[in-house]
């Protein structure tokens, strides 16, 4: 008799626009096995903590992006030696572990257009290359949603009143991707 599959280590995903002026993320979702999202009648304390941790990690993400940009500028100006070839690129969109929070780890990624992606995972041992692949897959899903010719104007950009990603196709793809039980351990990233 086989045991039930282990729950996915991914607890939540947030997409935040570069302006962050719309009063909330472009997209925020918790997944199976995670606490449910806060409701209008009463907030779920754990889900609220996850959301607040994701927002707090944005400040750390911005500090890492600023440090990367400063390092790249110093190398370009000849004020610092070039990094060794095996080092990650100076302007790597994957920003790594942003912060631990209680039983979770928060990882960050900033797209070339400035949209920030934060993934909250359970505090388990993960392979960094798999976390990078997850972010690349999430970035592709976001780019597909934002570039859709059927998306409303300003959709997925936070412009003009804070548009949100509300595509059922995007929702299903992100859910399928993040709820894969062994997504961060082995095997190809499903799309």
Protein backbone atom coordinates (compact mmCIF):
# COMPACT_ATOMS: atom_id res chain seq x y z
CA UNK A 1 0.00 0.00 0.00
CA UNK A 2 1.49 3.30 -1.02
CA UNK A 3 1.54 6.32 1.24
CA UNK A 4 -0.14 9.55 0.14
CA UNK A 5 2.15 11.96 -1.69
CA UNK A 6 3.96 14.52 0.41
CA UNK A 7 2.50 18.00 0.20
CA UNK A 8 4.29 20.49 -1.98
CA UNK A 9 6.82 22.61 -0.10
CA UNK A 10 5.37 25.73 -1.80
CA UNK A 11 3.04 27.52 0.61
CA UNK A 12 2.36 30.78 -1.26
CA UNK A 13 3.32 32.86 -4.29
CA UNK A 14 3.10 36.62 -4.68
CA UNK A 15 3.62 38.76 -7.79
CA UNK A 16 4.15 42.44 -6.92
CA UNK A 17 4.38 45.25 -9.47
CA UNK A 18 7.42 47.50 -9.55
CA UNK A 19 5.30 50.47 -8.54
CA UNK A 20 3.40 48.65 -5.78
CA UNK A 21 0.90 51.53 -5.87
CA UNK A 22 -2.27 49.51 -6.29
CA UNK A 23 -2.76 48.66 -2.63
CA UNK A 24 -1.86 45.01 -2.97
CA UNK A 25 -0.04 42.42 -5.01
CA UNK A 26 -0.79 41.70 -8.66
CA UNK A 27 -1.40 38.14 -7.53
CA UNK A 28 -1.25 36.33 -4.18
CA UNK A 29 -2.15 32.69 -3.70
CA UNK A 30 -1.75 30.10 -0.97
CA UNK A 31 -1.70 26.43 -1.91
CA UNK A 32 -2.96 23.05 -0.72
CA UNK A 33 -1.79 22.26 2.75
CA UNK A 34 -1.19 25.94 3.48
CA UNK A 35 -3.43 27.99 5.72
CA UNK A 36 -6.36 29.51 3.86
CA UNK A 37 -6.27 33.14 2.81
CA UNK A 38 -7.73 35.76 5.12
CA UNK A 39 -11.46 36.29 4.71
CA UNK A 40 -13.48 39.48 4.95
CA UNK A 41 -15.19 38.32 8.14
CA UNK A 42 -12.14 37.22 10.11
CA UNK A 43 -8.48 36.94 9.31
CA UNK A 44 -6.70 33.62 9.46
CA UNK A 45 -3.66 34.45 11.58
CA UNK A 46 -1.28 32.07 9.79
CA UNK A 47 -2.29 33.22 6.30
CA UNK A 48 -1.97 36.83 7.42
CA UNK A 49 1.52 36.13 8.78
CA UNK A 50 2.52 34.56 5.47
CA UNK A 51 1.22 37.58 3.54
CA UNK A 52 2.98 40.03 5.88
CA UNK A 53 6.24 38.06 5.63
CA UNK A 54 5.98 38.19 1.83
CA UNK A 55 5.56 41.97 1.97
CA UNK A 56 8.44 42.35 4.43
CA UNK A 57 10.68 40.33 2.12
CA UNK A 58 10.09 42.88 -0.68
CA UNK A 59 12.28 45.36 1.23
CA UNK A 60 15.08 42.78 1.40
CA UNK A 61 14.56 41.98 -2.28
CA UNK A 62 14.97 45.66 -3.17
CA UNK A 63 18.18 45.86 -1.09
CA UNK A 64 19.61 42.85 -2.95
CA UNK A 65 18.69 44.37 -6.34
CA UNK A 66 20.31 47.67 -5.32
CA UNK A 67 23.49 45.82 -4.21
CA UNK A 68 23.58 43.89 -7.51
CA UNK A 69 23.19 47.08 -9.51
CA UNK A 70 25.94 48.82 -7.51
CA UNK A 71 28.30 45.86 -8.02
CA UNK A 72 27.57 45.78 -11.76
CA UNK A 73 28.18 49.54 -12.01
CA UNK A 74 31.50 49.22 -10.14
CA UNK A 75 32.67 46.44 -12.49
CA UNK A 76 31.56 48.45 -15.54
CA UNK A 77 33.45 51.50 -14.28
CA UNK A 78 36.58 49.43 -13.66
CA UNK A 79 36.44 50.08 -9.91
CA UNK A 80 35.99 46.41 -9.02
CA UNK A 81 37.39 43.19 -10.45
CA UNK A 82 35.13 41.07 -12.63
CA UNK A 83 33.61 38.07 -10.83
CA UNK A 84 34.93 34.59 -11.64
CA UNK A 85 33.20 32.83 -14.55
CA UNK A 86 31.54 30.25 -12.24
CA UNK A 87 29.84 33.00 -10.20
CA UNK A 88 26.21 33.90 -10.94
CA UNK A 89 25.72 36.88 -13.26
CA UNK A 90 25.95 40.31 -11.63
CA UNK A 91 22.32 41.03 -12.47
CA UNK A 92 20.84 37.63 -11.77
CA UNK A 93 17.02 37.84 -11.54
CA UNK A 94 17.04 35.05 -8.93
CA UNK A 95 17.85 36.73 -5.64
CA UNK A 96 17.96 33.60 -3.50
CA UNK A 97 16.82 33.29 0.07
CA UNK A 98 15.42 36.61 1.21
CA UNK A 99 14.59 35.66 4.77
CA UNK A 100 13.47 32.85 7.02
CA UNK A 101 10.17 33.43 8.83
CA UNK A 102 8.99 30.97 11.48
CA UNK A 103 8.53 27.65 9.67
CA UNK A 104 9.00 29.16 6.21
CA UNK A 105 11.67 30.41 3.83
CA UNK A 106 11.04 33.25 1.41
CA UNK A 107 12.82 33.37 -1.94
CA UNK A 108 12.81 36.26 -4.40
CA UNK A 109 13.11 36.99 -8.10
CA UNK A 110 12.88 40.26 -10.02
CA UNK A 111 11.94 40.21 -13.68
CA UNK A 112 13.67 42.54 -16.15
CA UNK A 113 10.52 44.69 -16.15
CA UNK A 114 10.68 45.08 -12.36
CA UNK A 115 7.86 42.74 -11.37
CA UNK A 116 8.90 40.97 -8.17
CA UNK A 117 8.01 37.37 -7.44
CA UNK A 118 8.17 36.00 -3.90
CA UNK A 119 7.73 32.30 -3.16
CA UNK A 120 7.09 31.12 0.38
CA UNK A 121 8.13 27.52 1.05
CA UNK A 122 8.13 25.28 4.08
CA UNK A 123 11.42 25.24 5.96
CA UNK A 124 12.78 22.09 4.31
CA UNK A 125 16.01 21.27 2.54
CA UNK A 126 15.67 22.37 -1.10
CA UNK A 127 17.85 22.27 -4.18
CA UNK A 128 18.68 25.80 -5.30
CA UNK A 129 18.68 24.83 -8.99
CA UNK A 130 15.10 23.58 -8.60
CA UNK A 131 14.05 26.84 -6.90
CA UNK A 132 15.60 28.75 -9.82
CA UNK A 133 13.64 26.59 -12.28
CA UNK A 134 10.43 27.25 -10.36
CA UNK A 135 11.00 31.01 -10.64
CA UNK A 136 11.78 30.76 -14.36
CA UNK A 137 8.55 28.81 -14.88
CA UNK A 138 6.55 31.36 -12.85
CA UNK A 139 8.16 34.18 -14.84
CA UNK A 140 7.17 32.48 -18.12
CA UNK A 141 3.57 32.10 -16.88
CA UNK A 142 3.50 35.77 -15.90
CA UNK A 143 4.96 36.88 -19.25
CA UNK A 144 2.37 34.79 -21.12
CA UNK A 145 -0.46 36.33 -19.05
CA UNK A 146 0.85 39.89 -19.38
CA UNK A 147 1.46 39.60 -23.13
CA UNK A 148 -1.87 38.03 -23.94
CA UNK A 149 -3.67 40.02 -26.63
CA UNK A 150 -6.92 39.27 -24.78
CA UNK A 151 -5.81 40.84 -21.48
CA UNK A 152 -7.43 44.18 -20.54
CA UNK A 153 -5.34 47.36 -20.79
CA UNK A 154 -2.98 47.73 -17.85
CA UNK A 155 -3.57 44.11 -16.88
CA UNK A 156 -0.76 42.53 -14.86
CA UNK A 157 1.21 45.76 -14.71
CA UNK A 158 -0.26 47.59 -11.73
CA UNK A 159 -0.77 50.66 -13.87
CA UNK A 160 -3.85 52.84 -13.74
CA UNK A 161 -5.45 51.74 -10.50
CA UNK A 162 -3.55 48.57 -9.73
CA UNK A 163 -4.74 45.95 -12.20
CA UNK A 164 -4.56 42.36 -10.98
CA UNK A 165 -3.84 39.09 -12.70
CA UNK A 166 -7.26 37.47 -12.87
CA UNK A 167 -6.95 34.97 -15.69
CA UNK A 168 -8.37 31.51 -14.91
CA UNK A 169 -5.72 30.02 -17.21
CA UNK A 170 -2.94 31.75 -15.24
CA UNK A 171 -4.52 30.68 -11.95
CA UNK A 172 -4.72 27.03 -13.04
CA UNK A 173 -1.16 26.98 -14.39
CA UNK A 174 0.33 28.52 -11.24
CA UNK A 175 -1.66 26.15 -9.03
CA UNK A 176 -0.63 23.10 -11.05
CA UNK A 177 3.01 24.22 -10.98
CA UNK A 178 3.17 24.99 -7.26
CA UNK A 179 1.15 22.04 -6.00
CA UNK A 180 3.38 19.44 -7.67
CA UNK A 181 4.46 17.36 -4.68
CA UNK A 182 8.11 16.94 -5.60
CA UNK A 183 8.58 20.07 -7.67
CA UNK A 184 11.58 21.33 -5.73
CA UNK A 185 13.21 17.96 -5.19
CA UNK A 186 13.51 16.18 -8.55
CA UNK A 187 12.08 15.76 -12.02
CA UNK A 188 11.17 18.30 -14.70
CA UNK A 189 9.12 21.38 -13.87
CA UNK A 190 5.60 20.77 -15.30
CA UNK A 191 4.04 23.42 -17.53
